[in-house]
């Protein structure tokens, strides 16, 4: 069980970093049109889209990615508690 939790937590952590990199690409003109930007858009946008529908931008600042990353971190914490409870 511990191995399964570690694998899931590692995948979620990598995905969180992918989200952060995708968000940082908005600071550089044309970066989202690069191969890396397009790849990150394909894996990040489906997850970010529901958060963007719920949370409106504050002026020019979109806080939905921050909430999305927090949800991932809470998921890791919740899964950790679940695996402790099961074991």
PDB file of N, CA and C in Angstrom:
ATOM      1  N   UNK A   1       0.813  -1.203   0.000  1.00  0.00           N
ATOM      2  CA  UNK A   1       0.000   0.000   0.000  1.00  0.00           C
ATOM      3  C   UNK A   1       0.854   1.263   0.000  1.00  0.00           C
ATOM      4  N   UNK A   2       1.943   1.203   0.734  1.00  0.00           N
ATOM      5  CA  UNK A   2       2.819   2.373   0.806  1.00  0.00           C
ATOM      6  C   UNK A   2       3.415   2.669  -0.566  1.00  0.00           C
ATOM      7  N   UNK A   3       3.781   1.627  -1.289  1.00  0.00           N
ATOM      8  CA  UNK A   3       4.343   1.813  -2.627  1.00  0.00           C
ATOM      9  C   UNK A   3       3.328   2.467  -3.552  1.00  0.00           C
ATOM     10  N   UNK A   4       2.082   2.004  -3.495  1.00  0.00           N
ATOM     11  CA  UNK A   4       1.026   2.584  -4.325  1.00  0.00           C
ATOM     12  C   UNK A   4       0.826   4.059  -3.991  1.00  0.00           C
ATOM     13  N   UNK A   5       0.783   4.386  -2.701  1.00  0.00           N
ATOM     14  CA  UNK A   5       0.636   5.786  -2.308  1.00  0.00           C
ATOM     15  C   UNK A   5       1.814   6.622  -2.806  1.00  0.00           C
ATOM     16  N   UNK A   6       3.022   6.113  -2.680  1.00  0.00           N
ATOM     17  CA  UNK A   6       4.202   6.857  -3.141  1.00  0.00           C
ATOM     18  C   UNK A   6       4.157   7.098  -4.641  1.00  0.00           C
ATOM     19  N   UNK A   7       3.694   6.121  -5.404  1.00  0.00           N
ATOM     20  CA  UNK A   7       3.587   6.295  -6.855  1.00  0.00           C
ATOM     21  C   UNK A   7       2.560   7.365  -7.189  1.00  0.00           C
ATOM     22  N   UNK A   8       1.388   7.282  -6.554  1.00  0.00           N
ATOM     23  CA  UNK A   8       0.333   8.270  -6.806  1.00  0.00           C
ATOM     24  C   UNK A   8       0.784   9.665  -6.375  1.00  0.00           C
ATOM     25  N   UNK A   9       1.418   9.776  -5.221  1.00  0.00           N
ATOM     26  CA  UNK A   9       1.890  11.078  -4.730  1.00  0.00           C
ATOM     27  C   UNK A   9       2.952  11.646  -5.659  1.00  0.00           C
ATOM     28  N   UNK A  10       3.823  10.809  -6.186  1.00  0.00           N
ATOM     29  CA  UNK A  10       4.858  11.282  -7.105  1.00  0.00           C
ATOM     30  C   UNK A  10       4.235  11.787  -8.402  1.00  0.00           C
ATOM     31  N   UNK A  11       3.262  11.069  -8.922  1.00  0.00           N
ATOM     32  CA  UNK A  11       2.586  11.505 -10.149  1.00  0.00           C
ATOM     33  C   UNK A  11       1.883  12.842  -9.924  1.00  0.00           C
ATOM     34  N   UNK A  12       1.207  12.983  -8.790  1.00  0.00           N
ATOM     35  CA  UNK A  12       0.512  14.243  -8.492  1.00  0.00           C
ATOM     36  C   UNK A  12       1.517  15.379  -8.325  1.00  0.00           C
ATOM     37  N   UNK A  13       2.647  15.117  -7.689  1.00  0.00           N
ATOM     38  CA  UNK A  13       3.671  16.159  -7.545  1.00  0.00           C
ATOM     39  C   UNK A  13       4.228  16.581  -8.903  1.00  0.00           C
ATOM     40  N   UNK A  14       4.500  15.618  -9.786  1.00  0.00           N
ATOM     41  CA  UNK A  14       4.979  15.965 -11.135  1.00  0.00           C
ATOM     42  C   UNK A  14       3.931  16.771 -11.891  1.00  0.00           C
ATOM     43  N   UNK A  15       2.662  16.394 -11.736  1.00  0.00           N
ATOM     44  CA  UNK A  15       1.601  17.126 -12.404  1.00  0.00           C
ATOM     45  C   UNK A  15       1.485  18.550 -11.853  1.00  0.00           C
ATOM     46  N   UNK A  16       1.685  18.704 -10.552  1.00  0.00           N
ATOM     47  CA  UNK A  16       1.680  20.045  -9.961  1.00  0.00           C
ATOM     48  C   UNK A  16       2.785  20.896 -10.559  1.00  0.00           C
ATOM     49  N   UNK A  17       3.964  20.315 -10.739  1.00  0.00           N
ATOM     50  CA  UNK A  17       5.066  21.055 -11.356  1.00  0.00           C
ATOM     51  C   UNK A  17       4.763  21.382 -12.818  1.00  0.00           C
ATOM     52  N   UNK A  18       4.095  20.470 -13.514  1.00  0.00           N
ATOM     53  CA  UNK A  18       3.704  20.754 -14.899  1.00  0.00           C
ATOM     54  C   UNK A  18       2.743  21.938 -14.938  1.00  0.00           C
ATOM     55  N   UNK A  19       1.813  21.999 -13.986  1.00  0.00           N
ATOM     56  CA  UNK A  19       0.894  23.135 -13.911  1.00  0.00           C
ATOM     57  C   UNK A  19       1.641  24.439 -13.647  1.00  0.00           C
ATOM     58  N   UNK A  20       2.603  24.395 -12.740  1.00  0.00           N
ATOM     59  CA  UNK A  20       3.372  25.601 -12.419  1.00  0.00           C
ATOM     60  C   UNK A  20       4.151  26.078 -13.648  1.00  0.00           C
ATOM     61  N   UNK A  21       4.791  25.163 -14.338  1.00  0.00           N
ATOM     62  CA  UNK A  21       5.547  25.537 -15.540  1.00  0.00           C
ATOM     63  C   UNK A  21       4.602  26.088 -16.596  1.00  0.00           C
ATOM     64  N   UNK A  22       3.438  25.465 -16.754  1.00  0.00           N
ATOM     65  CA  UNK A  22       2.457  25.941 -17.730  1.00  0.00           C
ATOM     66  C   UNK A  22       1.993  27.355 -17.391  1.00  0.00           C
ATOM     67  N   UNK A  23       1.790  27.621 -16.117  1.00  0.00           N
ATOM     68  CA  UNK A  23       1.383  28.965 -15.690  1.00  0.00           C
ATOM     69  C   UNK A  23       2.493  29.978 -15.957  1.00  0.00           C
ATOM     70  N   UNK A  24       3.732  29.598 -15.677  1.00  0.00           N
ATOM     71  CA  UNK A  24       4.856  30.510 -15.897  1.00  0.00           C
ATOM     72  C   UNK A  24       5.075  30.811 -17.378  1.00  0.00           C
ATOM     73  N   UNK A  25       4.656  29.916 -18.256  1.00  0.00           N
ATOM     74  CA  UNK A  25       4.800  30.153 -19.690  1.00  0.00           C
ATOM     75  C   UNK A  25       3.995  31.365 -20.160  1.00  0.00           C
ATOM     76  N   UNK A  26       2.980  31.750 -19.389  1.00  0.00           N
ATOM     77  CA  UNK A  26       2.183  32.915 -19.792  1.00  0.00           C
ATOM     78  C   UNK A  26       2.985  34.207 -19.690  1.00  0.00           C
ATOM     79  N   UNK A  27       4.064  34.189 -18.943  1.00  0.00           N
ATOM     80  CA  UNK A  27       4.884  35.385 -18.788  1.00  0.00           C
ATOM     81  C   UNK A  27       5.792  35.642 -19.984  1.00  0.00           C
ATOM     82  N   UNK A  28       5.963  34.644 -20.838  1.00  0.00           N
ATOM     83  CA  UNK A  28       6.872  34.771 -21.977  1.00  0.00           C
ATOM     84  C   UNK A  28       6.083  34.734 -23.279  1.00  0.00           C
ATOM     85  N   UNK A  29       6.230  35.779 -24.101  1.00  0.00           N
ATOM     86  CA  UNK A  29       5.473  35.823 -25.358  1.00  0.00           C
ATOM     87  C   UNK A  29       5.838  34.645 -26.270  1.00  0.00           C
ATOM     88  N   UNK A  30       4.824  33.983 -26.762  1.00  0.00           N
ATOM     89  CA  UNK A  30       5.033  32.890 -27.704  1.00  0.00           C
ATOM     90  C   UNK A  30       5.435  31.565 -27.078  1.00  0.00           C
ATOM     91  N   UNK A  31       5.600  31.514 -25.777  1.00  0.00           N
ATOM     92  CA  UNK A  31       6.050  30.277 -25.141  1.00  0.00           C
ATOM     93  C   UNK A  31       4.981  29.188 -25.187  1.00  0.00           C
ATOM     94  N   UNK A  32       3.735  29.587 -25.125  1.00  0.00           N
ATOM     95  CA  UNK A  32       2.656  28.581 -25.169  1.00  0.00           C
ATOM     96  C   UNK A  32       2.498  27.988 -26.561  1.00  0.00           C
ATOM     97  N   UNK A  33       3.024  28.651 -27.569  1.00  0.00           N
ATOM     98  CA  UNK A  33       2.939  28.121 -28.924  1.00  0.00           C
ATOM     99  C   UNK A  33       4.095  27.182 -29.240  1.00  0.00           C
ATOM    100  N   UNK A  34       5.050  27.067 -28.341  1.00  0.00           N
ATOM    101  CA  UNK A  34       6.170  26.153 -28.554  1.00  0.00           C
ATOM    102  C   UNK A  34       5.696  24.711 -28.371  1.00  0.00           C
ATOM    103  N   UNK A  35       6.555  23.773 -28.704  1.00  0.00           N
ATOM    104  CA  UNK A  35       6.202  22.361 -28.569  1.00  0.00           C
ATOM    105  C   UNK A  35       5.925  22.013 -27.104  1.00  0.00           C
ATOM    106  N   UNK A  36       6.761  22.511 -26.220  1.00  0.00           N
ATOM    107  CA  UNK A  36       6.570  22.248 -24.787  1.00  0.00           C
ATOM    108  C   UNK A  36       5.274  22.892 -24.305  1.00  0.00           C
ATOM    109  N   UNK A  37       5.024  24.114 -24.737  1.00  0.00           N
ATOM    110  CA  UNK A  37       3.801  24.807 -24.345  1.00  0.00           C
ATOM    111  C   UNK A  37       2.554  24.090 -24.824  1.00  0.00           C
ATOM    112  N   UNK A  38       2.588  23.582 -26.045  1.00  0.00           N
ATOM    113  CA  UNK A  38       1.441  22.847 -26.571  1.00  0.00           C
ATOM    114  C   UNK A  38       1.234  21.526 -25.838  1.00  0.00           C
ATOM    115  N   UNK A  39       2.331  20.852 -25.505  1.00  0.00           N
ATOM    116  CA  UNK A  39       2.221  19.600 -24.745  1.00  0.00           C
ATOM    117  C   UNK A  39       1.623  19.867 -23.365  1.00  0.00           C
ATOM    118  N   UNK A  40       2.128  20.895 -22.685  1.00  0.00           N
ATOM    119  CA  UNK A  40       1.603  21.222 -21.357  1.00  0.00           C
ATOM    120  C   UNK A  40       0.145  21.659 -21.427  1.00  0.00           C
ATOM    121  N   UNK A  41      -0.223  22.340 -22.502  1.00  0.00           N
ATOM    122  CA  UNK A  41      -1.620  22.754 -22.664  1.00  0.00           C
ATOM    123  C   UNK A  41      -2.527  21.527 -22.794  1.00  0.00           C
ATOM    124  N   UNK A  42      -2.067  20.512 -23.525  1.00  0.00           N
ATOM    125  CA  UNK A  42      -2.877  19.302 -23.697  1.00  0.00           C
ATOM    126  C   UNK A  42      -3.078  18.553 -22.383  1.00  0.00           C
ATOM    127  N   UNK A  43      -2.075  18.591 -21.496  1.00  0.00           N
ATOM    128  CA  UNK A  43      -2.243  17.839 -20.248  1.00  0.00           C
ATOM    129  C   UNK A  43      -2.781  18.695 -19.105  1.00  0.00           C
ATOM    130  N   UNK A  44      -2.638  20.008 -19.183  1.00  0.00           N
ATOM    131  CA  UNK A  44      -3.053  20.878 -18.073  1.00  0.00           C
ATOM    132  C   UNK A  44      -4.428  21.511 -18.273  1.00  0.00           C
ATOM    133  N   UNK A  45      -4.766  21.893 -19.485  1.00  0.00           N
ATOM    134  CA  UNK A  45      -6.026  22.601 -19.717  1.00  0.00           C
ATOM    135  C   UNK A  45      -7.266  21.795 -19.335  1.00  0.00           C
ATOM    136  N   UNK A  46      -7.325  20.478 -19.605  1.00  0.00           N
ATOM    137  CA  UNK A  46      -8.531  19.755 -19.171  1.00  0.00           C
ATOM    138  C   UNK A  46      -8.747  19.800 -17.661  1.00  0.00           C
ATOM    139  N   UNK A  47      -7.683  19.852 -16.898  1.00  0.00           N
ATOM    140  CA  UNK A  47      -7.811  19.930 -15.443  1.00  0.00           C
ATOM    141  C   UNK A  47      -8.134  21.351 -14.991  1.00  0.00           C
ATOM    142  N   UNK A  48      -7.553  22.352 -15.642  1.00  0.00           N
ATOM    143  CA  UNK A  48      -7.761  23.741 -15.232  1.00  0.00           C
ATOM    144  C   UNK A  48      -9.114  24.303 -15.661  1.00  0.00           C
ATOM    145  N   UNK A  49      -9.684  23.782 -16.735  1.00  0.00           N
ATOM    146  CA  UNK A  49     -10.919  24.342 -17.283  1.00  0.00           C
ATOM    147  C   UNK A  49     -12.074  24.383 -16.286  1.00  0.00           C
ATOM    148  N   UNK A  50     -12.349  23.318 -15.527  1.00  0.00           N
ATOM    149  CA  UNK A  50     -13.461  23.418 -14.549  1.00  0.00           C
ATOM    150  C   UNK A  50     -13.215  24.474 -13.475  1.00  0.00           C
ATOM    151  N   UNK A  51     -11.969  24.663 -13.076  1.00  0.00           N
ATOM    152  CA  UNK A  51     -11.667  25.683 -12.075  1.00  0.00           C
ATOM    153  C   UNK A  51     -11.880  27.076 -12.653  1.00  0.00           C
ATOM    154  N   UNK A  52     -11.548  27.254 -13.917  1.00  0.00           N
ATOM    155  CA  UNK A  52     -11.749  28.569 -14.563  1.00  0.00           C
ATOM    156  C   UNK A  52     -13.223  28.888 -14.730  1.00  0.00           C
ATOM    157  N   UNK A  53     -14.052  27.875 -14.878  1.00  0.00           N
ATOM    158  CA  UNK A  53     -15.493  28.111 -14.986  1.00  0.00           C
ATOM    159  C   UNK A  53     -16.082  28.535 -13.646  1.00  0.00           C
ATOM    160  N   UNK A  54     -15.510  28.021 -12.555  1.00  0.00           N
ATOM    161  CA  UNK A  54     -16.044  28.315 -11.215  1.00  0.00           C
ATOM    162  C   UNK A  54     -15.475  29.615 -10.654  1.00  0.00           C
ATOM    163  N   UNK A  55     -14.172  29.830 -10.842  1.00  0.00           N
ATOM    164  CA  UNK A  55     -13.491  30.960 -10.227  1.00  0.00           C
ATOM    165  C   UNK A  55     -13.199  32.018 -11.287  1.00  0.00           C
ATOM    166  N   UNK A  56     -13.851  33.164 -11.211  1.00  0.00           N
ATOM    167  CA  UNK A  56     -13.584  34.203 -12.204  1.00  0.00           C
ATOM    168  C   UNK A  56     -12.233  34.875 -11.950  1.00  0.00           C
ATOM    169  N   UNK A  57     -11.608  35.407 -13.013  1.00  0.00           N
ATOM    170  CA  UNK A  57     -10.331  36.103 -12.814  1.00  0.00           C
ATOM    171  C   UNK A  57     -10.526  37.393 -12.022  1.00  0.00           C
ATOM    172  N   UNK A  58      -9.521  37.749 -11.248  1.00  0.00           N
ATOM    173  CA  UNK A  58      -9.532  39.003 -10.497  1.00  0.00           C
ATOM    174  C   UNK A  58      -8.752  40.032 -11.314  1.00  0.00           C
ATOM    175  N   UNK A  59      -9.467  40.776 -12.111  1.00  0.00           N
ATOM    176  CA  UNK A  59      -8.796  41.710 -13.014  1.00  0.00           C
ATOM    177  C   UNK A  59      -8.052  40.928 -14.073  1.00  0.00           C
ATOM    178  N   UNK A  60      -6.728  41.103 -14.117  1.00  0.00           N
ATOM    179  CA  UNK A  60      -5.916  40.368 -15.078  1.00  0.00           C
ATOM    180  C   UNK A  60      -5.249  39.143 -14.447  1.00  0.00           C
ATOM    181  N   UNK A  61      -5.594  38.843 -13.209  1.00  0.00           N
ATOM    182  CA  UNK A  61      -4.964  37.727 -12.500  1.00  0.00           C
ATOM    183  C   UNK A  61      -5.946  36.564 -12.418  1.00  0.00           C
ATOM    184  N   UNK A  62      -5.508  35.422 -12.908  1.00  0.00           N
ATOM    185  CA  UNK A  62      -6.311  34.206 -12.864  1.00  0.00           C
ATOM    186  C   UNK A  62      -5.817  33.364 -11.684  1.00  0.00           C
ATOM    187  N   UNK A  63      -6.628  33.267 -10.641  1.00  0.00           N
ATOM    188  CA  UNK A  63      -6.210  32.516  -9.460  1.00  0.00           C
ATOM    189  C   UNK A  63      -6.661  31.058  -9.508  1.00  0.00           C
ATOM    190  N   UNK A  64      -7.381  30.669 -10.553  1.00  0.00           N
ATOM    191  CA  UNK A  64      -7.865  29.292 -10.628  1.00  0.00           C
ATOM    192  C   UNK A  64      -6.726  28.264 -10.652  1.00  0.00           C
ATOM    193  N   UNK A  65      -5.569  28.522 -11.278  1.00  0.00           N
ATOM    194  CA  UNK A  65      -4.484  27.530 -11.195  1.00  0.00           C
ATOM    195  C   UNK A  65      -3.969  27.331  -9.772  1.00  0.00           C
ATOM    196  N   UNK A  66      -3.985  28.382  -8.967  1.00  0.00           N
ATOM    197  CA  UNK A  66      -3.543  28.251  -7.577  1.00  0.00           C
ATOM    198  C   UNK A  66      -4.499  27.333  -6.828  1.00  0.00           C
ATOM    199  N   UNK A  67      -5.782  27.526  -7.039  1.00  0.00           N
ATOM    200  CA  UNK A  67      -6.782  26.677  -6.394  1.00  0.00           C
ATOM    201  C   UNK A  67      -6.643  25.240  -6.894  1.00  0.00           C
ATOM    202  N   UNK A  68      -6.382  25.074  -8.192  1.00  0.00           N
ATOM    203  CA  UNK A  68      -6.219  23.734  -8.757  1.00  0.00           C
ATOM    204  C   UNK A  68      -5.022  23.014  -8.137  1.00  0.00           C
ATOM    205  N   UNK A  69      -3.933  23.718  -7.924  1.00  0.00           N
ATOM    206  CA  UNK A  69      -2.748  23.121  -7.298  1.00  0.00           C
ATOM    207  C   UNK A  69      -3.038  22.785  -5.837  1.00  0.00           C
ATOM    208  N   UNK A  70      -3.743  23.662  -5.144  1.00  0.00           N
ATOM    209  CA  UNK A  70      -4.115  23.372  -3.754  1.00  0.00           C
ATOM    210  C   UNK A  70      -4.995  22.126  -3.657  1.00  0.00           C
ATOM    211  N   UNK A  71      -5.899  21.953  -4.612  1.00  0.00           N
ATOM    212  CA  UNK A  71      -6.744  20.762  -4.624  1.00  0.00           C
ATOM    213  C   UNK A  71      -5.885  19.507  -4.778  1.00  0.00           C
ATOM    214  N   UNK A  72      -4.867  19.577  -5.640  1.00  0.00           N
ATOM    215  CA  UNK A  72      -3.960  18.434  -5.789  1.00  0.00           C
ATOM    216  C   UNK A  72      -3.215  18.141  -4.490  1.00  0.00           C
ATOM    217  N   UNK A  73      -2.758  19.199  -3.818  1.00  0.00           N
ATOM    218  CA  UNK A  73      -2.044  19.007  -2.552  1.00  0.00           C
ATOM    219  C   UNK A  73      -2.967  18.416  -1.481  1.00  0.00           C
ATOM    220  N   UNK A  74      -4.216  18.881  -1.431  1.00  0.00           N
ATOM    221  CA  UNK A  74      -5.183  18.304  -0.498  1.00  0.00           C
ATOM    222  C   UNK A  74      -5.496  16.853  -0.854  1.00  0.00           C
ATOM    223  N   UNK A  75      -5.489  16.532  -2.140  1.00  0.00           N
ATOM    224  CA  UNK A  75      -5.722  15.145  -2.562  1.00  0.00           C
ATOM    225  C   UNK A  75      -4.609  14.242  -2.059  1.00  0.00           C
ATOM    226  N   UNK A  76      -3.362  14.704  -2.154  1.00  0.00           N
ATOM    227  CA  UNK A  76      -2.247  13.909  -1.636  1.00  0.00           C
ATOM    228  C   UNK A  76      -2.417  13.695  -0.134  1.00  0.00           C
ATOM    229  N   UNK A  77      -2.771  14.749   0.569  1.00  0.00           N
ATOM    230  CA  UNK A  77      -2.962  14.649   2.017  1.00  0.00           C
ATOM    231  C   UNK A  77      -4.103  13.688   2.353  1.00  0.00           C
ATOM    232  N   UNK A  78      -5.196  13.818   1.641  1.00  0.00           N
ATOM    233  CA  UNK A  78      -6.339  12.941   1.881  1.00  0.00           C
ATOM    234  C   UNK A  78      -6.029  11.492   1.567  1.00  0.00           C
ATOM    235  N   UNK A  79      -5.312  11.263   0.473  1.00  0.00           N
ATOM    236  CA  UNK A  79      -4.923   9.897   0.143  1.00  0.00           C
ATOM    237  C   UNK A  79      -3.984   9.324   1.194  1.00  0.00           C
ATOM    238  N   UNK A  80      -3.102  10.154   1.702  1.00  0.00           N
ATOM    239  CA  UNK A  80      -2.202   9.714   2.759  1.00  0.00           C
ATOM    240  C   UNK A  80      -2.977   9.274   3.983  1.00  0.00           C
ATOM    241  N   UNK A  81      -3.972  10.061   4.367  1.00  0.00           N
ATOM    242  CA  UNK A  81      -4.806   9.709   5.518  1.00  0.00           C
ATOM    243  C   UNK A  81      -5.598   8.422   5.243  1.00  0.00           C
ATOM    244  N   UNK A  82      -6.090   8.267   4.015  1.00  0.00           N
ATOM    245  CA  UNK A  82      -6.830   7.075   3.647  1.00  0.00           C
ATOM    246  C   UNK A  82      -5.950   5.838   3.724  1.00  0.00           C
ATOM    247  N   UNK A  83      -4.738   5.934   3.202  1.00  0.00           N
ATOM    248  CA  UNK A  83      -3.829   4.787   3.238  1.00  0.00           C
ATOM    249  C   UNK A  83      -3.405   4.452   4.671  1.00  0.00           C
ATOM    250  N   UNK A  84      -3.260   5.455   5.510  1.00  0.00           N
ATOM    251  CA  UNK A  84      -2.939   5.204   6.920  1.00  0.00           C
ATOM    252  C   UNK A  84      -4.109   4.499   7.584  1.00  0.00           C
ATOM    253  N   UNK A  85      -5.327   4.935   7.285  1.00  0.00           N
ATOM    254  CA  UNK A  85      -6.508   4.348   7.876  1.00  0.00           C
ATOM    255  C   UNK A  85      -6.699   2.899   7.433  1.00  0.00           C
ATOM    256  N   UNK A  86      -6.417   2.612   6.132  1.00  0.00           N
ATOM    257  CA  UNK A  86      -6.566   1.268   5.591  1.00  0.00           C
ATOM    258  C   UNK A  86      -5.514   0.323   6.179  1.00  0.00           C
ATOM    259  N   UNK A  87      -4.307   0.818   6.359  1.00  0.00           N
ATOM    260  CA  UNK A  87      -3.212  -0.051   6.826  1.00  0.00           C
ATOM    261  C   UNK A  87      -3.337  -0.471   8.250  1.00  0.00           C
TER     262      UNK A  87
END
